[in-house]
Protein backbone atom coordinates (compact mmCIF):
# COMPACT_ATOMS: atom_id res chain seq x y z
CA MET A 1 -0.21 -0.14 -0.07
CA LYS A 2 2.93 2.09 0.99
CA ASN A 3 4.86 1.63 -2.19
CA GLN A 4 1.68 2.39 -4.29
CA LYS A 5 0.79 5.73 -2.58
CA TYR A 6 4.71 6.38 -2.91
CA LYS A 7 4.41 5.62 -7.08
CA ASN A 8 1.20 7.72 -7.00
CA ILE A 9 2.85 10.59 -5.57
CA LEU A 10 6.11 10.49 -8.11
CA ALA A 11 3.70 9.86 -11.17
CA VAL A 12 1.93 13.10 -9.81
CA GLY A 13 5.32 14.57 -9.25
CA ILE A 14 6.27 13.79 -12.77
CA ILE A 15 3.14 15.29 -14.10
CA VAL A 16 3.61 18.69 -12.25
CA ILE A 17 7.49 18.92 -13.79
CA PHE A 18 6.86 17.72 -17.34
CA THR A 19 4.05 20.89 -17.56
CA ILE A 20 6.67 23.16 -15.95
CA MET A 21 9.34 21.80 -18.60
CA MET A 22 6.38 22.57 -21.47
CA ILE A 23 5.77 25.88 -20.43
CA SER A 24 9.75 27.26 -19.50
CA PRO A 25 10.70 27.93 -23.22
CA PHE A 26 7.68 30.17 -23.83
CA LEU A 27 7.96 32.28 -20.34
CA LEU A 28 12.32 32.80 -20.92
CA ILE A 29 10.51 34.76 -24.32
CA HIS A 30 8.80 37.32 -22.45
CA GLN A 31 6.36 37.91 -25.55
CA LEU A 32 3.90 36.21 -27.29
CA GLY A 33 3.30 36.45 -31.59
CA VAL A 34 -0.56 36.64 -31.21
CA HIS A 35 -3.30 36.02 -33.95
CA SER A 36 -6.58 33.88 -34.61
CA ASP A 37 -8.71 33.71 -31.79
CA TRP A 38 -6.26 36.07 -28.98
CA SER A 39 -7.77 38.94 -29.49
CA PHE A 40 -11.13 37.60 -28.50
CA HIS A 41 -10.30 35.99 -25.49
CA ALA A 42 -7.89 38.70 -24.53
CA ALA A 43 -10.64 41.36 -24.34
CA ARG A 44 -13.10 39.19 -22.42
CA VAL A 45 -10.46 38.74 -19.51
CA GLN A 46 -9.65 42.52 -19.93
CA GLN A 47 -13.36 43.58 -19.10
CA ILE A 48 -13.42 40.88 -16.45
CA TYR A 49 -10.05 42.30 -14.85
CA LEU A 50 -10.97 45.89 -15.00
CA ASN A 51 -14.12 45.16 -13.79
CA LEU A 52 -12.90 43.29 -10.87
CA GLN A 53 -11.00 46.29 -10.53
CA LYS A 54 -13.61 48.23 -9.54
CA GLY A 55 -14.97 45.56 -7.30
CA HIS A 56 -17.60 43.45 -9.79
CA LEU A 57 -17.32 40.33 -9.80
CA PHE A 58 -19.67 39.51 -12.74
CA THR A 59 -19.54 40.98 -16.19
CA TYR A 60 -22.31 40.56 -18.84
CA ILE A 61 -21.39 43.34 -21.14
CA ALA A 62 -18.06 44.89 -22.51
CA THR A 63 -17.70 48.78 -21.89
CA ASP A 64 -13.92 49.05 -21.89
CA THR A 65 -13.25 46.09 -24.71
CA PHE A 66 -15.13 45.09 -27.95
CA SER A 67 -15.14 48.68 -29.08
CA LYS A 68 -16.98 49.60 -25.90
CA VAL A 69 -20.61 49.32 -27.23
CA GLY A 70 -21.83 46.68 -24.93
CA ASN A 71 -21.38 43.86 -26.44
CA ALA A 72 -23.14 40.96 -24.55
CA ASN A 73 -20.54 37.97 -25.11
CA PHE A 74 -19.90 37.16 -21.57
CA ILE A 75 -23.59 36.22 -20.99
CA PHE A 76 -23.62 34.03 -24.47
CA TYR A 77 -20.07 32.46 -23.91
CA PRO A 78 -19.11 31.10 -20.74
CA THR A 79 -16.12 32.38 -18.93
CA VAL A 80 -15.65 30.67 -15.80
CA PHE A 81 -12.33 28.97 -16.60
CA LEU A 82 -10.78 32.73 -17.33
CA TYR A 83 -10.94 34.00 -14.10
CA PRO A 84 -7.73 32.21 -13.05
CA TRP A 85 -5.99 34.21 -15.63
CA VAL A 86 -7.64 37.44 -14.81
CA PHE A 87 -6.19 36.54 -10.98
CA LEU A 88 -3.10 36.35 -12.30
CA LYS A 89 -2.87 39.53 -14.12
CA PHE A 90 -3.24 41.11 -10.23
CA ILE A 91 -0.26 39.47 -9.82
CA PHE A 92 2.43 38.91 -12.91
CA ALA A 93 3.01 40.93 -15.76
CA PRO A 94 0.39 40.65 -18.43
CA VAL A 95 2.35 37.88 -21.03
CA THR A 96 3.79 35.98 -17.86
CA ALA A 97 0.20 35.87 -16.46
CA TYR A 98 -1.27 34.39 -19.64
CA LEU A 99 1.77 31.90 -19.55
CA ILE A 100 1.16 30.80 -16.34
CA TYR A 101 -2.81 30.46 -17.06
CA VAL A 102 -1.58 28.15 -19.75
CA TRP A 103 0.81 25.98 -17.42
CA LEU A 104 -2.42 25.74 -15.07
CA LEU A 105 -4.03 24.25 -18.05
CA PHE A 106 -1.52 21.93 -18.56
CA LEU A 107 -1.31 20.90 -15.20
CA ALA A 108 -5.39 20.35 -14.85
CA THR A 109 -4.91 18.33 -18.08
CA GLY A 110 -2.23 16.41 -17.22
CA LEU A 111 -3.76 15.44 -13.59
CA ILE A 112 -7.27 15.17 -14.74
CA ALA A 113 -6.17 12.54 -17.08
CA PHE A 114 -3.97 10.63 -14.97
CA TYR A 115 -6.70 10.37 -12.40
CA SER A 116 -9.11 9.14 -15.15
CA MET A 117 -6.91 6.91 -15.92
CA ARG A 118 -6.06 5.28 -12.90
CA THR A 119 -9.74 5.12 -11.90
CA PHE A 120 -10.55 3.27 -15.22
CA THR A 121 -7.29 0.70 -14.76
CA ASN A 122 -7.94 0.15 -10.95
CA GLY A 123 -4.78 2.14 -10.30
CA LYS A 124 -2.61 0.98 -13.04
CA ILE A 125 -0.44 4.35 -12.28
CA ARG A 126 2.30 3.58 -15.14
CA GLN A 127 0.01 3.07 -17.66
CA SER A 128 -2.10 6.63 -16.42
CA LEU A 129 1.31 8.34 -16.33
CA PHE A 130 1.70 7.30 -20.08
CA PHE A 131 -1.68 8.26 -21.13
CA ALA A 132 -1.51 11.85 -19.15
CA ILE A 133 1.88 12.81 -20.85
CA ILE A 134 0.93 11.87 -24.41
CA TYR A 135 -2.55 13.39 -23.91
CA LEU A 136 -0.73 16.52 -23.12
CA ILE A 137 1.71 16.33 -26.31
CA ILE A 138 -1.25 16.28 -28.45
CA PRO A 139 -0.11 18.61 -31.64
CA TYR A 140 -3.93 19.99 -31.66
CA HIS A 141 -3.66 20.43 -28.09
CA LEU A 142 -0.89 22.69 -28.15
CA TYR A 143 -2.66 24.08 -31.61
CA LEU A 144 -5.59 25.53 -28.65
CA THR A 145 -3.06 26.75 -26.19
CA LEU A 146 0.00 27.95 -27.25
CA SER A 147 -0.48 28.25 -31.45
CA ASN A 148 -3.84 29.81 -31.94
CA TYR A 149 -4.94 30.63 -28.31
CA VAL A 150 -8.56 28.46 -29.06
CA LEU A 151 -8.97 28.74 -25.46
CA GLY A 152 -12.86 27.73 -25.15
CA GLU A 153 -11.55 24.21 -26.56
CA ALA A 154 -8.43 24.40 -24.43
CA GLN A 155 -10.49 24.45 -21.36
CA ALA A 156 -12.71 21.40 -22.53
CA TYR A 157 -10.06 19.34 -23.36
CA ILE A 158 -8.90 19.38 -19.71
CA PHE A 159 -12.64 17.33 -19.00
CA ILE A 160 -12.74 14.57 -21.76
CA PRO A 161 -11.10 11.92 -20.12
CA LEU A 162 -13.35 12.79 -17.25
CA VAL A 163 -16.40 12.52 -19.59
CA LEU A 164 -15.42 9.30 -20.88
CA LEU A 165 -14.58 8.18 -17.18
CA GLY A 166 -18.06 9.13 -16.10
CA MET A 167 -19.58 7.12 -18.93
CA TRP A 168 -17.62 4.13 -18.15
CA GLU A 169 -18.54 4.44 -14.31
CA ILE A 170 -22.11 4.40 -15.45
CA LEU A 171 -22.40 1.50 -17.50
CA TYR A 172 -19.63 -0.60 -15.40
CA LYS A 173 -20.02 0.51 -12.01
CA ASP A 174 -23.85 1.96 -11.69
CA LYS A 175 -21.83 5.77 -10.60
CA TRP A 176 -23.25 8.38 -12.00
CA VAL A 177 -21.95 11.86 -10.33
CA THR A 178 -18.86 11.85 -12.42
CA LEU A 179 -20.80 12.14 -15.80
CA ALA A 180 -22.80 14.91 -14.43
CA ILE A 181 -19.76 16.91 -12.94
CA SER A 182 -17.54 16.39 -16.18
CA MET A 183 -20.19 17.62 -18.47
CA THR A 184 -21.26 20.50 -16.11
CA LEU A 185 -17.26 21.69 -16.33
CA MET A 186 -17.40 20.99 -20.39
CA VAL A 187 -20.89 23.74 -20.38
CA TYR A 188 -18.63 26.02 -18.18
CA SER A 189 -15.90 25.98 -20.54
CA HIS A 190 -17.11 25.58 -24.34
CA TYR A 191 -20.83 24.95 -25.53
CA VAL A 192 -19.97 23.08 -29.07
CA SER A 193 -17.50 20.67 -27.08
CA ALA A 194 -19.81 20.01 -24.63
CA PHE A 195 -22.39 18.83 -27.45
CA ILE A 196 -19.57 17.26 -29.24
CA SER A 197 -18.96 15.27 -25.60
CA LEU A 198 -22.90 14.37 -25.63
CA GLU A 199 -22.37 12.97 -29.03
CA ILE A 200 -19.49 10.87 -27.92
CA CYS A 201 -21.53 9.49 -25.11
CA VAL A 202 -24.25 8.54 -27.54
CA LEU A 203 -21.06 6.62 -29.51
CA ILE A 204 -20.27 5.09 -26.57
CA LEU A 205 -23.80 3.97 -25.46
CA ILE A 206 -24.35 2.77 -29.02
CA CYS A 207 -21.24 0.06 -28.58
CA TYR A 208 -22.50 -0.80 -24.74
CA LEU A 209 -25.75 -1.66 -26.27
CA ILE A 210 -24.02 -3.83 -29.09
CA GLN A 211 -22.38 -5.75 -26.58
CA ASN A 212 -25.15 -6.42 -23.97
CA HIS A 213 -28.80 -5.81 -26.32
CA LYS A 214 -29.83 -4.13 -23.52
CA LEU A 215 -29.52 -1.34 -21.15
CA GLU A 216 -30.43 -2.07 -17.43
CA LEU A 217 -32.98 0.24 -15.01
CA SER A 218 -30.19 0.94 -12.81
CA LYS A 219 -28.14 2.24 -15.71
CA ALA A 220 -31.23 4.11 -17.05
CA MET A 221 -31.97 5.79 -13.70
CA GLY A 222 -28.13 6.67 -13.20
CA PHE A 223 -28.70 8.73 -16.56
CA ILE A 224 -31.64 10.28 -15.14
CA LYS A 225 -30.12 11.19 -12.18
CA SER A 226 -26.63 12.34 -13.78
CA ILE A 227 -28.90 14.84 -15.96
CA CYS A 228 -30.83 15.85 -13.13
CA LEU A 229 -27.44 16.78 -11.59
CA PHE A 230 -26.21 18.49 -14.43
CA MET A 231 -29.53 20.60 -14.84
CA ILE A 232 -29.01 21.98 -11.18
CA LEU A 233 -25.37 22.58 -11.55
CA SER A 234 -25.46 24.17 -14.97
CA ALA A 235 -28.84 25.97 -15.69
CA TRP A 236 -27.29 29.20 -14.44
CA GLN A 237 -24.92 29.22 -17.15
CA LEU A 238 -27.64 28.00 -20.11
CA ILE A 239 -30.77 30.15 -18.57
CA PRO A 240 -29.24 33.51 -20.85
CA LEU A 241 -29.51 31.66 -23.75
CA PHE A 242 -33.17 30.57 -23.45
CA THR A 243 -33.82 34.16 -21.95
CA ASP A 244 -32.04 36.45 -24.52
CA TYR A 245 -30.00 34.39 -27.29
CA PHE A 246 -32.72 32.51 -29.36
CA HIS A 247 -35.09 33.80 -30.74
CA GLY A 248 -32.98 37.46 -29.47
CA ASN A 249 -32.61 38.05 -33.37
CA LEU A 250 -28.77 38.24 -32.59
CA MET A 251 -25.58 37.05 -34.52
CA ARG A 252 -24.57 33.38 -34.17
CA PRO A 253 -21.45 31.51 -35.16
CA ALA A 254 -21.75 31.05 -38.64
CA SER A 255 -22.70 26.96 -38.86
CA GLY A 256 -22.09 24.22 -41.44
CA PHE A 257 -19.14 22.42 -42.00
CA MET A 258 -15.68 24.59 -42.70
CA LEU A 259 -11.80 23.68 -43.02
CA MET A 260 -11.96 20.16 -43.70
CA GLN A 261 -9.52 18.00 -44.48
CA SER A 262 -8.93 15.15 -47.27
CA ALA A 263 -7.72 11.82 -45.27
CA GLY A 264 -4.25 12.00 -47.74
CA ASP A 265 -4.00 15.49 -46.06
CA PHE A 266 -4.71 14.56 -42.52
CA PHE A 267 -2.08 11.43 -42.61
CA THR A 268 0.44 14.10 -44.01
CA SER A 269 -0.22 16.85 -41.52
CA ALA A 270 0.31 14.00 -38.91
CA ILE A 271 3.44 12.60 -39.54
CA SER A 272 4.84 16.43 -39.17
CA ASN A 273 3.70 16.64 -35.73
CA GLU A 274 3.50 20.56 -36.07
CA ALA A 275 1.15 22.15 -33.47
CA LEU A 276 -2.19 22.20 -36.19
CA ASN A 277 -5.32 21.63 -36.42
CA GLN A 278 -4.88 19.40 -39.32
CA GLY A 279 -3.46 16.09 -38.87
CA GLY A 280 -3.71 17.13 -35.11
CA ILE A 281 -3.55 13.50 -33.43
CA GLY A 282 0.30 13.86 -34.35
CA VAL A 283 2.52 11.34 -35.40
CA VAL A 284 2.96 8.91 -32.40
CA LEU A 285 -1.43 8.59 -32.86
CA LEU A 286 -0.97 7.82 -36.35
CA ALA A 287 0.85 5.21 -35.67
CA THR A 288 -1.42 4.05 -33.23
CA LEU A 289 -4.39 4.11 -35.59
CA VAL A 290 -2.83 1.98 -38.21
CA PHE A 291 -1.58 -0.62 -35.97
CA GLY A 292 -3.50 0.11 -32.69
CA TRP A 293 -5.10 -3.67 -33.40
CA LEU A 294 -1.95 -5.24 -33.14
CA PHE A 295 -1.81 -4.45 -29.25
CA VAL A 296 -5.25 -5.05 -27.79
CA GLU A 297 -6.82 -8.23 -27.26
CA ARG A 298 -10.06 -9.02 -29.68
CA GLU A 299 -12.71 -9.12 -26.90
CA SER A 300 -11.50 -6.69 -24.58
CA LYS A 301 -12.99 -2.85 -23.81
CA TYR A 302 -9.39 -1.51 -25.39
CA MET A 303 -10.65 -2.65 -28.40
CA TRP A 304 -13.99 -0.79 -28.52
CA ILE A 305 -12.00 1.82 -27.39
CA TYR A 306 -9.45 1.26 -30.48
CA VAL A 307 -12.67 1.26 -33.14
CA LEU A 308 -13.93 4.17 -31.59
CA GLY A 309 -10.49 5.93 -31.53
CA VAL A 310 -10.85 4.61 -35.68
CA ALA A 311 -14.44 6.10 -36.38
CA ILE A 312 -13.74 9.39 -34.90
CA THR A 313 -10.50 10.03 -37.01
CA TRP A 314 -12.72 8.98 -39.57
CA MET A 315 -15.16 12.19 -38.72
CA ILE A 316 -12.05 14.56 -39.00
CA THR A 317 -11.66 13.90 -42.69
CA THR A 318 -13.67 14.02 -45.56
CA ALA A 319 -13.70 10.91 -45.98
CA PHE A 320 -16.79 10.87 -43.72
CA PRO A 321 -20.20 12.15 -45.47
CA TRP A 322 -20.55 15.37 -43.90
CA GLN A 323 -22.47 16.72 -46.52
CA TYR A 324 -25.49 14.32 -46.05
CA VAL A 325 -25.83 16.38 -42.69
CA ALA A 326 -24.85 19.71 -43.50
CA LYS A 327 -28.28 21.13 -42.32
CA THR A 328 -29.21 19.24 -39.72
CA PRO A 329 -28.08 20.13 -35.95
CA LEU A 330 -24.44 18.74 -36.11
CA SER A 331 -23.43 21.66 -38.34
CA ILE A 332 -23.19 23.84 -35.58
CA ILE A 333 -19.43 21.89 -34.64
CA GLN A 334 -18.39 24.26 -37.53
CA PHE A 335 -14.92 22.45 -38.03
CA PRO A 336 -14.99 18.42 -37.92
CA TYR A 337 -11.00 19.25 -37.00
CA ARG A 338 -12.72 19.48 -33.42
CA TYR A 339 -13.30 15.99 -32.79
CA THR A 340 -9.48 15.86 -32.66
CA SER A 341 -9.47 16.02 -29.30
CA TYR A 342 -12.00 12.95 -28.83
CA ALA A 343 -10.12 10.78 -31.42
CA ALA A 344 -6.78 11.59 -29.86
CA ALA A 345 -8.43 10.85 -25.86
CA PHE A 346 -9.11 7.12 -27.62
CA LEU A 347 -6.22 6.57 -29.48
CA ALA A 348 -4.12 7.88 -26.29
CA ILE A 349 -5.47 5.41 -24.22
CA VAL A 350 -4.91 2.55 -26.35
CA LEU A 351 -1.06 3.70 -27.20
CA ALA A 352 -0.60 3.83 -23.12
CA LYS A 353 -1.97 0.43 -22.73
CA ALA A 354 0.70 -0.54 -25.43
CA LEU A 355 3.16 1.34 -23.86
CA SER A 356 2.76 0.14 -20.37
CA LYS A 357 3.30 -3.70 -21.54
CA LEU A 358 6.80 -2.64 -22.96
CA LYS A 359 9.54 -4.64 -21.15
CA TYR A 360 12.74 -5.70 -21.43
CA SER A 361 14.92 -8.48 -19.63
CA THR A 362 18.20 -6.38 -19.53
CA MET A 363 16.30 -2.93 -18.07
CA ASN A 364 14.08 -2.19 -15.50
CA SER A 365 10.59 -0.69 -15.79
CA SER A 366 11.92 2.71 -14.19
CA ILE A 367 14.53 3.22 -17.06
CA VAL A 368 11.91 2.26 -19.82
CA THR A 369 9.47 4.54 -18.44
CA THR A 370 12.29 7.18 -18.68
CA ILE A 371 13.11 6.75 -21.72
CA ILE A 372 9.38 6.96 -22.96
CA ILE A 373 8.75 10.22 -21.07
CA LEU A 374 12.27 12.02 -22.51
CA PHE A 375 10.73 10.31 -25.92
CA LEU A 376 7.85 12.13 -25.80
CA GLY A 377 9.02 15.11 -24.47
CA ALA A 378 11.27 15.30 -27.48
CA LEU A 379 8.05 15.16 -29.38
CA TYR A 380 6.62 17.88 -28.00
CA SER A 381 9.72 20.04 -28.63
CA GLY A 382 9.00 19.25 -31.94
CA SER A 383 5.59 20.39 -31.97
CA VAL A 384 5.85 24.00 -30.64
CA TYR A 385 9.61 24.67 -32.09
CA SER A 386 7.81 27.33 -34.88
CA ASP A 387 5.67 28.74 -31.93
CA ILE A 388 8.63 29.27 -29.92
CA THR A 389 10.39 31.18 -32.71
CA ARG A 390 7.64 32.98 -33.80
CA ASN A 391 7.21 34.31 -30.45
CA ARG A 392 11.45 35.12 -30.07
CA ASN A 393 10.84 36.64 -33.36
CA THR A 394 14.91 37.03 -33.69
CA ASP A 395 14.85 38.01 -37.31
CA ASN A 396 12.19 40.70 -36.56
CA SER A 397 9.88 38.76 -39.69
CA ILE A 398 6.90 39.49 -37.75
CA SER A 399 5.50 43.10 -37.05
CA ILE A 400 5.66 44.42 -33.75
CA LEU A 401 2.51 46.17 -31.69
CA THR A 402 3.87 49.71 -30.92
CA SER A 403 0.87 51.88 -31.05
CA ARG A 404 -2.56 52.37 -29.92
CA ARG A 405 -5.40 52.60 -32.84
CA HIS A 406 -6.29 56.11 -33.75
CA GLY A 407 -9.17 57.05 -35.99
CA GLN A 408 -11.50 54.42 -37.26
CA TYR A 409 -12.20 50.68 -36.43
CA LYS A 410 -9.44 48.69 -37.26
CA THR A 411 -8.73 45.05 -36.05
CA LEU A 412 -5.35 44.12 -34.40
CA ARG A 413 -4.90 41.68 -37.62
CA ASP A 414 -6.19 42.33 -41.08
CA PRO A 415 -7.83 39.28 -43.06
CA SER A 416 -4.48 37.56 -43.53
CA ASP A 417 -4.33 36.73 -39.91
CA SER A 418 -0.79 36.92 -39.69
CA PRO A 419 0.98 37.16 -36.20
CA ILE A 420 1.72 40.41 -34.29
CA ILE A 421 4.27 40.37 -31.41
CA VAL A 422 2.99 41.90 -27.75
CA THR A 423 5.03 42.36 -25.31
CA ASN A 424 4.37 43.58 -21.42
CA ASN A 425 5.07 46.98 -22.22
CA SER A 426 2.16 47.24 -25.25
CA TYR A 427 -0.31 44.42 -23.98
CA ASN A 428 -2.63 47.18 -23.26
CA LYS A 429 -2.69 48.83 -26.60
CA GLN A 430 -4.01 46.16 -28.39
CA PHE A 431 -7.20 46.82 -26.92
CA SER A 432 -7.75 49.54 -28.86
CA TYR A 433 -8.43 47.50 -31.92
CA GLY A 434 -11.03 45.53 -32.77
CA ALA A 435 -11.20 41.76 -32.46
CA LEU A 436 -10.64 39.63 -36.34
CA TYR A 437 -13.00 36.77 -34.95
CA GLY A 438 -15.48 37.11 -32.97
CA GLU A 439 -15.77 41.20 -32.38
CA THR A 440 -19.51 40.73 -34.09
CA ASP A 441 -20.72 37.47 -32.88
CA TYR A 442 -23.64 37.97 -30.58
CA MET A 443 -24.29 41.69 -31.36
CA PRO A 444 -28.19 42.26 -32.46
CA VAL A 445 -28.28 41.30 -36.06
CA ASP A 446 -29.38 44.96 -37.31
CA ALA A 447 -26.05 46.27 -35.31
CA PHE A 448 -24.40 44.08 -37.55
CA LYS A 449 -26.04 45.09 -40.67
CA HIS A 450 -24.71 48.85 -39.41
CA CYS A 451 -21.44 47.65 -37.71
CA ARG A 452 -19.27 50.35 -39.44
CA THR A 453 -21.09 53.25 -37.68
CA VAL A 454 -21.88 50.81 -34.40
CA LEU A 455 -18.03 49.75 -34.03
CA ASN A 456 -16.88 53.35 -34.60
CA ARG A 457 -19.08 54.74 -31.82
CA VAL A 458 -21.16 57.11 -34.10
CA THR A 459 -23.81 58.95 -32.10
CA PHE A 460 -26.73 59.82 -34.31
CA ILE A 461 -28.92 63.11 -33.39
CA ASN A 462 -31.81 64.17 -35.61
CA GLY A 463 -30.05 61.60 -38.18
CA LYS A 464 -26.64 63.80 -38.05
CA ARG A 465 -23.58 62.81 -36.49
CA ALA A 466 -22.69 64.65 -32.78
CA LEU A 467 -19.68 64.17 -30.89
CA ILE A 468 -20.77 63.45 -26.81
CA HIS A 469 -18.74 62.42 -23.93
CA GLN A 470 -18.85 58.46 -23.18
CA GLU A 471 -17.98 56.70 -19.74
CA SER A 472 -17.28 53.10 -19.37
CA GLN A 473 -18.12 51.74 -15.94
CA PRO A 474 -18.64 47.94 -15.16
CA ASN A 475 -21.90 46.32 -17.01
CA ARG A 476 -23.18 50.22 -18.11
CA ILE A 477 -22.03 52.78 -20.21
CA VAL A 478 -22.69 56.74 -19.37
CA TYR A 479 -23.17 59.27 -22.04
CA LYS A 480 -23.64 63.04 -21.23
CA ILE A 481 -25.78 64.69 -23.84
CA HIS A 482 -26.69 68.42 -24.30
CA VAL A 483 -29.36 68.96 -27.08
CA LYS A 484 -30.96 72.55 -27.83
CA GLN A 485 -34.35 71.45 -29.07
CA PHE A 486 -36.35 68.32 -29.08
CA SER A 487 -34.10 65.67 -30.64
CA SER A 488 -33.89 61.86 -31.43
CA ILE A 489 -30.66 60.76 -30.41
CA ASN A 490 -29.36 57.01 -31.79
CA LEU A 491 -26.70 55.86 -29.17
CA PRO A 492 -23.87 53.33 -30.40
CA ALA A 493 -25.18 51.11 -27.49
CA LEU A 494 -25.95 47.63 -28.26
CA VAL A 495 -29.67 46.72 -27.23
CA TYR A 496 -30.22 43.22 -25.39
CA LYS A 497 -33.69 41.63 -23.93
CA HIS A 498 -32.64 42.85 -20.55
CA THR A 499 -31.22 46.31 -20.96
CA VAL A 500 -31.98 48.96 -19.03
CA VAL A 501 -31.64 52.73 -19.98
CA LYS A 502 -31.93 55.23 -17.48
CA VAL A 503 -32.26 59.38 -18.20
CA ASN A 504 -30.88 61.42 -15.26
CA GLY A 505 -31.41 58.60 -13.10
CA ASN A 506 -34.84 57.69 -14.10
CA LYS A 507 -35.70 54.69 -15.94
CA VAL A 508 -37.16 54.95 -19.33
CA LYS A 509 -38.33 52.34 -21.78
CA GLU A 510 -36.11 52.67 -24.41
CA GLU A 511 -36.55 52.06 -28.12
CA THR A 512 -34.49 50.13 -31.22
CA SER A 513 -32.80 52.08 -33.78
CA ASP A 514 -32.51 50.70 -37.09
CA ARG A 515 -29.06 49.62 -36.56
CA GLY A 516 -29.84 47.54 -33.21
CA THR A 517 -28.84 50.33 -30.55
CA VAL A 518 -30.58 52.48 -27.70
CA GLN A 519 -32.84 55.49 -29.58
CA LEU A 520 -34.50 58.31 -27.19
CA LYS A 521 -36.18 61.44 -27.44
CA LEU A 522 -35.29 64.12 -25.57
CA SER A 523 -36.35 68.01 -25.34
CA LYS A 524 -33.90 70.90 -24.85
CA GLY A 525 -31.25 70.36 -21.97
CA ASN A 526 -28.18 68.40 -20.41
CA TYR A 527 -28.59 64.56 -19.89
CA LYS A 528 -27.15 61.92 -18.63
CA VAL A 529 -28.05 58.50 -19.95
CA ASP A 530 -26.94 54.96 -18.43
CA VAL A 531 -27.42 51.97 -20.53
CA SER A 532 -26.74 48.87 -18.66
CA TYR A 533 -27.35 45.31 -19.02
CA VAL A 534 -29.36 43.72 -15.56
CA PRO A 535 -29.62 39.87 -15.38
CA THR A 536 -32.82 38.49 -14.40
CA CYS A 537 -33.74 37.38 -10.88
CA LEU A 538 -33.88 33.74 -12.37
CA LEU A 539 -30.24 34.31 -13.02
CA SER A 540 -29.28 34.92 -9.79
CA PHE A 541 -31.66 32.37 -7.98
CA LEU A 542 -30.04 29.50 -10.19
CA MET A 543 -26.34 30.76 -9.77
CA ALA A 544 -27.33 30.31 -5.45
CA ILE A 545 -28.71 26.73 -6.31
CA SER A 546 -25.67 25.83 -8.48
CA LEU A 547 -23.16 27.42 -5.85
CA ILE A 548 -24.82 25.10 -3.05
CA SER A 549 -24.91 22.53 -4.80
CA TRP A 550 -21.82 21.78 -5.93
CA ILE A 551 -20.79 22.81 -1.93
CA LEU A 552 -22.65 19.91 -0.99
CA VAL A 553 -21.17 17.44 -3.76
CA ILE A 554 -17.93 18.45 -2.76
CA ILE A 555 -18.67 17.59 1.26
CA ILE A 556 -20.38 14.22 0.36
CA ASN A 557 -17.50 12.93 -1.94
CA TYR A 558 -15.11 14.15 0.37
CA THR A 559 -16.64 12.31 2.99
CA ARG A 560 -17.01 9.28 0.99
CA PHE A 561 -13.16 9.10 -0.02
CA VAL A 562 -11.48 9.60 3.70
CA LYS A 563 -14.11 6.81 4.26
CA LEU A 564 -12.26 4.49 2.10
CA SER A 565 -8.98 5.71 2.75
């Protein structure tokens, strides 16, 4: 027992050291080459950070970032796991804060993967360690965190092994809490990943039904209990979609199947082992895809895992007939390569199993384990080399952010989406620019049609452009207006279902202009117009219920853990 405890501590220590080594080369550079999804997530974090500075824990609309027009992406796109990055910004320089945040993502990913596999294998620590390291260095995972900054998916990636464990516990152990918690954490991270996780759970259930030809009542009840707990824990996160988003005439991320790759391109990209979205399983999992069937018993659970890994990899490519489901709800995934995380998880389980069986008569298992981990570390170094080179920018081939935007609205990167270097000194200058991707998501459709004047914060008084004073406060925008006669005022503040407008402190029923913004009719005089988003009482109630439920779940499970110990 003591030996097992020692091995467990050693494995956790290896994961901690390995993740520190993963992030160290980036920390030493002190700057980032940013593009793609970076502007969207960095602006969200900046707004939460500024609001926390002023004592406001929750952020609903953007008043200092996203062009200061009140974009409500905060209530439609999860923010829970951005808060660690926000808190780090209070302690460290901005670039350092982000990289430590990525290290925390790595650490959480490795530890949860290790815990999930250890539970699945009834305590096989060596196999669990291999799975954790392999799962960490998947090129697609590195693409999400260090290359293209796709942070919603990067957060969701942490919990995929926990989702798989949750399904296994329901079907084979009659335990239902893990699935509820893991799916809740998925929803707290990224809605599309939660949807894909649901698809994967259905695939696993189908495999179970093929094997057993029935679903026992105890397992069906387990699913019902899990769904109920999931709803209690996540309802507050989902309710704004029903109260404000659906039927709200808002812009939505494009649906459909884009950036698809042929099977040939997928294999070629995987061999390169670079941190890309194409061929993102990397070279070792590509080898597992091709030869994995040789290393698993035909009737074992690992054969089903291998089959699922192969099937999901097939879904990443154009070899899968996506065109037949282009007009179904499946199209919300946008990019079939998003299945890479799940294919990688299944294939990594198979590879970890194969590696754990490696033995040599002339070498003890500790040396073999060390060699394998060093080899995996070398693969990681090759995967991120181009990103390290990009961030270092020693040849000055990448433009450097040096000034704030002045004049008309402009995104940080042009449509070519080439990187730009951001340093600790220039970090805050980026927020004067718009985000190439995500800036107009969740805007009213009418605002999107008139986005040029809205994003440039143009005010119209009686149809003519006018200059007025605008002040940003947490979750509200204040305008100071002087009119010389009865006038129609069209402000550059987006209108949502729960937008509240006050004039000189008195709440008024706002009108919505033809560009989806606040419109008022005011008599001659001086006015202070306050535009804010006020969440529903239902949202606050559900947040309280969720918090209480989380506390109870933690206490109950901790008590059970202590008793078992």
